[in-house]
PDB file of N, CA and C in Angstrom:
ATOM      1  N   MET A   1      26.213  25.454  29.524  1.00  0.00           N
ATOM      2  CA  MET A   1      27.447  25.771  30.700  1.00  0.00           C
ATOM      3  C   MET A   1      28.786  24.639  30.490  1.00  0.00           C
ATOM      4  N   ALA A   2      29.580  25.318  30.114  1.00  0.00           N
ATOM      5  CA  ALA A   2      30.950  24.141  29.752  1.00  0.00           C
ATOM      6  C   ALA A   2      32.022  24.479  31.004  1.00  0.00           C
ATOM      7  N   THR A   3      32.289  23.419  31.189  1.00  0.00           N
ATOM      8  CA  THR A   3      33.452  23.264  32.624  1.00  0.00           C
ATOM      9  C   THR A   3      34.790  23.080  31.960  1.00  0.00           C
ATOM     10  N   SER A   4      35.650  24.151  32.348  1.00  0.00           N
ATOM     11  CA  SER A   4      36.833  24.154  32.157  1.00  0.00           C
ATOM     12  C   SER A   4      37.558  22.733  32.870  1.00  0.00           C
ATOM     13  N   LYS A   5      38.728  22.806  32.154  1.00  0.00           N
ATOM     14  CA  LYS A   5      39.334  21.245  32.677  1.00  0.00           C
ATOM     15  C   LYS A   5      40.880  22.038  33.681  1.00  0.00           C
ATOM     16  N   PRO A   6      40.838  21.628  34.726  1.00  0.00           N
ATOM     17  CA  PRO A   6      41.933  22.349  35.174  1.00  0.00           C
ATOM     18  C   PRO A   6      43.367  22.180  34.367  1.00  0.00           C
ATOM     19  N   ALA A   7      44.328  23.198  34.664  1.00  0.00           N
ATOM     20  CA  ALA A   7      45.767  23.255  33.806  1.00  0.00           C
ATOM     21  C   ALA A   7      46.262  22.119  34.592  1.00  0.00           C
ATOM     22  N   ALA A   8      47.143  21.643  33.618  1.00  0.00           N
ATOM     23  CA  ALA A   8      47.643  20.473  33.834  1.00  0.00           C
ATOM     24  C   ALA A   8      49.287  21.185  34.587  1.00  0.00           C
ATOM     25  N   LYS A   9      49.670  20.608  35.103  1.00  0.00           N
ATOM     26  CA  LYS A   9      50.788  21.260  36.062  1.00  0.00           C
ATOM     27  C   LYS A   9      52.029  20.639  35.061  1.00  0.00           C
ATOM     28  N   GLN A  10      53.006  21.988  35.435  1.00  0.00           N
ATOM     29  CA  GLN A  10      53.931  21.555  34.653  1.00  0.00           C
ATOM     30  C   GLN A  10      55.788  22.108  35.463  1.00  0.00           C
ATOM     31  N   VAL A  11      56.516  21.681  34.907  1.00  0.00           N
ATOM     32  CA  VAL A  11      57.787  21.956  35.480  1.00  0.00           C
ATOM     33  C   VAL A  11      59.085  22.441  34.844  1.00  0.00           C
ATOM     34  N   ARG A  12      59.263  23.319  35.096  1.00  0.00           N
ATOM     35  CA  ARG A  12      60.900  23.846  34.444  1.00  0.00           C
ATOM     36  C   ARG A  12      61.997  23.650  34.817  1.00  0.00           C
ATOM     37  N   LEU A  13      62.447  22.461  34.083  1.00  0.00           N
ATOM     38  CA  LEU A  13      64.117  21.807  34.209  1.00  0.00           C
ATOM     39  C   LEU A  13      64.921  22.772  33.267  1.00  0.00           C
ATOM     40  N   THR A  14      66.063  22.561  34.191  1.00  0.00           N
ATOM     41  CA  THR A  14      67.391  23.375  33.583  1.00  0.00           C
ATOM     42  C   THR A  14      68.557  22.786  33.895  1.00  0.00           C
ATOM     43  N   LEU A  15      68.952  22.205  32.802  1.00  0.00           N
ATOM     44  CA  LEU A  15      70.352  21.541  32.968  1.00  0.00           C
ATOM     45  C   LEU A  15      71.933  22.299  33.585  1.00  0.00           C
ATOM     46  N   VAL A  16      72.174  22.224  34.656  1.00  0.00           N
ATOM     47  CA  VAL A  16      73.243  22.538  35.386  1.00  0.00           C
ATOM     48  C   VAL A  16      74.407  21.780  35.511  1.00  0.00           C
ATOM     49  N   LYS A  17      74.317  21.089  35.545  1.00  0.00           N
ATOM     50  CA  LYS A  17      75.761  19.922  35.194  1.00  0.00           C
ATOM     51  C   LYS A  17      75.712  19.480  33.751  1.00  0.00           C
ATOM     52  N   SER A  18      77.012  19.173  33.335  1.00  0.00           N
ATOM     53  CA  SER A  18      77.229  18.480  32.418  1.00  0.00           C
ATOM     54  C   SER A  18      76.825  17.063  32.293  1.00  0.00           C
ATOM     55  N   LYS A  19      76.177  16.708  31.158  1.00  0.00           N
ATOM     56  CA  LYS A  19      75.854  15.502  30.836  1.00  0.00           C
ATOM     57  C   LYS A  19      77.126  14.200  30.453  1.00  0.00           C
ATOM     58  N   PHE A  20      77.977  14.837  30.106  1.00  0.00           N
ATOM     59  CA  PHE A  20      79.270  13.841  29.469  1.00  0.00           C
ATOM     60  C   PHE A  20      79.695  13.276  31.158  1.00  0.00           C
ATOM     61  N   GLY A  21      80.278  11.990  30.713  1.00  0.00           N
ATOM     62  CA  GLY A  21      80.794  11.231  32.145  1.00  0.00           C
ATOM     63  C   GLY A  21      79.634  10.777  32.732  1.00  0.00           C
ATOM     64  N   ARG A  22      78.088  10.618  32.338  1.00  0.00           N
ATOM     65  CA  ARG A  22      77.610  10.095  32.978  1.00  0.00           C
ATOM     66  C   ARG A  22      77.206   8.829  32.651  1.00  0.00           C
ATOM     67  N   LEU A  23      76.046   7.777  33.357  1.00  0.00           N
ATOM     68  CA  LEU A  23      75.580   6.220  33.001  1.00  0.00           C
ATOM     69  C   LEU A  23      75.326   7.248  31.462  1.00  0.00           C
ATOM     70  N   LYS A  24      75.069   6.080  30.515  1.00  0.00           N
ATOM     71  CA  LYS A  24      73.833   6.064  29.303  1.00  0.00           C
ATOM     72  C   LYS A  24      72.585   6.149  29.826  1.00  0.00           C
ATOM     73  N   SER A  25      72.387   5.532  30.856  1.00  0.00           N
ATOM     74  CA  SER A  25      70.517   5.495  31.045  1.00  0.00           C
ATOM     75  C   SER A  25      70.278   7.164  31.443  1.00  0.00           C
ATOM     76  N   HIS A  26      71.216   7.596  32.090  1.00  0.00           N
ATOM     77  CA  HIS A  26      70.917   8.920  32.904  1.00  0.00           C
ATOM     78  C   HIS A  26      71.054  10.124  31.652  1.00  0.00           C
ATOM     79  N   ARG A  27      71.461   9.511  30.582  1.00  0.00           N
ATOM     80  CA  ARG A  27      71.781  10.536  29.213  1.00  0.00           C
ATOM     81  C   ARG A  27      71.048  10.664  28.638  1.00  0.00           C
ATOM     82  N   ALA A  28      69.943   9.217  28.752  1.00  0.00           N
ATOM     83  CA  ALA A  28      68.675   8.922  28.063  1.00  0.00           C
ATOM     84  C   ALA A  28      67.573   9.653  28.425  1.00  0.00           C
ATOM     85  N   CYS A  29      67.722   9.910  29.904  1.00  0.00           N
ATOM     86  CA  CYS A  29      66.792  10.547  30.585  1.00  0.00           C
ATOM     87  C   CYS A  29      66.678  12.263  30.157  1.00  0.00           C
ATOM     88  N   ILE A  30      68.074  12.665  30.226  1.00  0.00           N
ATOM     89  CA  ILE A  30      68.339  13.823  30.075  1.00  0.00           C
ATOM     90  C   ILE A  30      67.582  14.574  28.381  1.00  0.00           C
ATOM     91  N   LEU A  31      68.025  13.187  27.461  1.00  0.00           N
ATOM     92  CA  LEU A  31      67.520  13.792  26.588  1.00  0.00           C
ATOM     93  C   LEU A  31      65.765  13.407  26.158  1.00  0.00           C
ATOM     94  N   GLY A  32      65.481  12.424  26.986  1.00  0.00           N
ATOM     95  CA  GLY A  32      64.282  12.369  26.611  1.00  0.00           C
ATOM     96  C   GLY A  32      63.630  13.446  27.557  1.00  0.00           C
ATOM     97  N   LEU A  33      64.068  14.356  27.996  1.00  0.00           N
ATOM     98  CA  LEU A  33      63.348  15.235  28.782  1.00  0.00           C
ATOM     99  C   LEU A  33      63.288  16.598  28.167  1.00  0.00           C
ATOM    100  N   GLY A  34      64.314  16.548  26.976  1.00  0.00           N
ATOM    101  CA  GLY A  34      64.258  17.493  26.171  1.00  0.00           C
ATOM    102  C   GLY A  34      65.391  18.841  26.077  1.00  0.00           C
ATOM    103  N   LEU A  35      65.737  17.899  26.982  1.00  0.00           N
ATOM    104  CA  LEU A  35      67.291  18.863  27.191  1.00  0.00           C
ATOM    105  C   LEU A  35      68.982  17.947  26.008  1.00  0.00           C
ATOM    106  N   LYS A  36      69.377  19.357  25.672  1.00  0.00           N
ATOM    107  CA  LYS A  36      70.588  19.178  24.922  1.00  0.00           C
ATOM    108  C   LYS A  36      72.115  19.906  25.379  1.00  0.00           C
ATOM    109  N   ARG A  37      71.528  21.002  26.162  1.00  0.00           N
ATOM    110  CA  ARG A  37      73.206  21.394  26.523  1.00  0.00           C
ATOM    111  C   ARG A  37      73.047  22.391  27.824  1.00  0.00           C
ATOM    112  N   MET A  38      73.565  22.866  28.170  1.00  0.00           N
ATOM    113  CA  MET A  38      74.155  23.525  29.766  1.00  0.00           C
ATOM    114  C   MET A  38      73.302  24.636  29.464  1.00  0.00           C
ATOM    115  N   HIS A  39      72.628  24.873  30.779  1.00  0.00           N
ATOM    116  CA  HIS A  39      71.888  26.170  30.852  1.00  0.00           C
ATOM    117  C   HIS A  39      70.694  26.205  30.035  1.00  0.00           C
ATOM    118  N   GLN A  40      70.426  24.855  29.300  1.00  0.00           N
ATOM    119  CA  GLN A  40      68.865  25.182  28.681  1.00  0.00           C
ATOM    120  C   GLN A  40      67.655  24.941  29.942  1.00  0.00           C
ATOM    121  N   SER A  41      66.479  25.566  29.273  1.00  0.00           N
ATOM    122  CA  SER A  41      65.796  25.340  30.205  1.00  0.00           C
ATOM    123  C   SER A  41      64.253  24.735  28.897  1.00  0.00           C
ATOM    124  N   VAL A  42      63.796  23.966  29.962  1.00  0.00           N
ATOM    125  CA  VAL A  42      62.744  23.043  28.962  1.00  0.00           C
ATOM    126  C   VAL A  42      61.073  23.458  30.136  1.00  0.00           C
ATOM    127  N   VAL A  43      60.211  23.551  29.485  1.00  0.00           N
ATOM    128  CA  VAL A  43      59.118  22.788  30.670  1.00  0.00           C
ATOM    129  C   VAL A  43      57.907  21.591  30.024  1.00  0.00           C
ATOM    130  N   VAL A  44      58.192  20.830  31.164  1.00  0.00           N
ATOM    131  CA  VAL A  44      57.663  19.341  30.869  1.00  0.00           C
ATOM    132  C   VAL A  44      56.340  19.461  31.939  1.00  0.00           C
ATOM    133  N   ALA A  45      55.241  18.382  31.434  1.00  0.00           N
ATOM    134  CA  ALA A  45      54.390  18.328  32.073  1.00  0.00           C
ATOM    135  C   ALA A  45      54.849  17.414  32.920  1.00  0.00           C
ATOM    136  N   ASP A  46      53.839  17.601  34.470  1.00  0.00           N
ATOM    137  CA  ASP A  46      54.115  16.837  35.319  1.00  0.00           C
ATOM    138  C   ASP A  46      53.236  15.587  35.901  1.00  0.00           C
ATOM    139  N   THR A  47      54.079  14.821  34.860  1.00  0.00           N
ATOM    140  CA  THR A  47      53.209  13.475  34.550  1.00  0.00           C
ATOM    141  C   THR A  47      54.476  12.024  35.371  1.00  0.00           C
ATOM    142  N   PRO A  48      54.033  10.962  35.725  1.00  0.00           N
ATOM    143  CA  PRO A  48      54.850  10.080  36.531  1.00  0.00           C
ATOM    144  C   PRO A  48      55.955   9.785  35.673  1.00  0.00           C
ATOM    145  N   GLU A  49      55.621   9.617  34.215  1.00  0.00           N
ATOM    146  CA  GLU A  49      57.087   9.201  33.356  1.00  0.00           C
ATOM    147  C   GLU A  49      57.847  10.119  33.710  1.00  0.00           C
ATOM    148  N   ASN A  50      57.611  11.495  33.211  1.00  0.00           N
ATOM    149  CA  ASN A  50      58.741  12.446  33.282  1.00  0.00           C
ATOM    150  C   ASN A  50      58.951  12.499  34.773  1.00  0.00           C
ATOM    151  N   ARG A  51      58.605  12.697  35.684  1.00  0.00           N
ATOM    152  CA  ARG A  51      58.612  12.637  37.196  1.00  0.00           C
ATOM    153  C   ARG A  51      59.711  11.496  37.465  1.00  0.00           C
ATOM    154  N   GLY A  52      59.356  10.040  37.000  1.00  0.00           N
ATOM    155  CA  GLY A  52      60.685   8.951  36.961  1.00  0.00           C
ATOM    156  C   GLY A  52      61.805   9.779  36.323  1.00  0.00           C
ATOM    157  N   MET A  53      62.058  10.152  35.386  1.00  0.00           N
ATOM    158  CA  MET A  53      63.149  10.432  34.730  1.00  0.00           C
ATOM    159  C   MET A  53      63.911  11.857  35.436  1.00  0.00           C
ATOM    160  N   ILE A  54      62.908  12.571  36.327  1.00  0.00           N
ATOM    161  CA  ILE A  54      63.586  13.799  36.583  1.00  0.00           C
ATOM    162  C   ILE A  54      64.056  13.149  37.924  1.00  0.00           C
ATOM    163  N   ASN A  55      63.843  12.413  39.004  1.00  0.00           N
ATOM    164  CA  ASN A  55      64.189  11.558  39.800  1.00  0.00           C
ATOM    165  C   ASN A  55      65.358  11.118  39.638  1.00  0.00           C
ATOM    166  N   SER A  56      65.640  10.412  38.332  1.00  0.00           N
ATOM    167  CA  SER A  56      67.114   9.793  38.533  1.00  0.00           C
ATOM    168  C   SER A  56      68.326  10.630  37.951  1.00  0.00           C
ATOM    169  N   VAL A  57      67.992  11.827  37.317  1.00  0.00           N
ATOM    170  CA  VAL A  57      68.921  12.672  37.146  1.00  0.00           C
ATOM    171  C   VAL A  57      68.687  14.115  38.124  1.00  0.00           C
ATOM    172  N   SER A  58      68.013  13.926  38.997  1.00  0.00           N
ATOM    173  CA  SER A  58      67.700  15.279  39.670  1.00  0.00           C
ATOM    174  C   SER A  58      69.182  16.146  40.479  1.00  0.00           C
ATOM    175  N   TYR A  59      70.379  15.135  40.218  1.00  0.00           N
ATOM    176  CA  TYR A  59      71.764  15.986  40.955  1.00  0.00           C
ATOM    177  C   TYR A  59      72.052  16.756  39.539  1.00  0.00           C
ATOM    178  N   LEU A  60      71.351  16.549  38.299  1.00  0.00           N
ATOM    179  CA  LEU A  60      72.144  17.372  37.699  1.00  0.00           C
ATOM    180  C   LEU A  60      71.068  18.641  36.664  1.00  0.00           C
ATOM    181  N   LEU A  61      69.964  18.651  37.604  1.00  0.00           N
ATOM    182  CA  LEU A  61      68.970  19.384  37.274  1.00  0.00           C
ATOM    183  C   LEU A  61      68.486  20.443  38.731  1.00  0.00           C
ATOM    184  N   ARG A  62      67.983  21.740  38.134  1.00  0.00           N
ATOM    185  CA  ARG A  62      67.252  22.997  38.627  1.00  0.00           C
ATOM    186  C   ARG A  62      66.039  22.830  38.221  1.00  0.00           C
ATOM    187  N   ILE A  63      65.298  22.460  39.929  1.00  0.00           N
ATOM    188  CA  ILE A  63      63.691  21.997  38.971  1.00  0.00           C
ATOM    189  C   ILE A  63      62.843  23.195  39.657  1.00  0.00           C
ATOM    190  N   GLU A  64      61.787  23.649  39.088  1.00  0.00           N
ATOM    191  CA  GLU A  64      60.850  24.950  39.392  1.00  0.00           C
ATOM    192  C   GLU A  64      59.327  24.316  39.171  1.00  0.00           C
ATOM    193  N   GLN A  65      58.631  24.690  39.962  1.00  0.00           N
ATOM    194  CA  GLN A  65      56.830  24.446  39.428  1.00  0.00           C
ATOM    195  C   GLN A  65      56.674  25.812  38.998  1.00  0.00           C
ATOM    196  N   VAL A  66      56.196  25.550  38.050  1.00  0.00           N
ATOM    197  CA  VAL A  66      55.894  26.674  37.305  1.00  0.00           C
ATOM    198  C   VAL A  66      53.908  26.732  37.580  1.00  0.00           C
TER     199      VAL A  66
END
């Protein structure tokens, strides 16, 4: 009998405000999350590392649970 792993939680992020004129560390977080342009959406794993980056730039993002 095989046991299946529970699916990893994921979060969909959409960049809704411009990254220009922001702190260098905030621009690095946006790039680290895989966002490159306005209104682009990415799906990332809901890990503590990603959650920390999301929290620091949450004012630029729309966040949805997937």
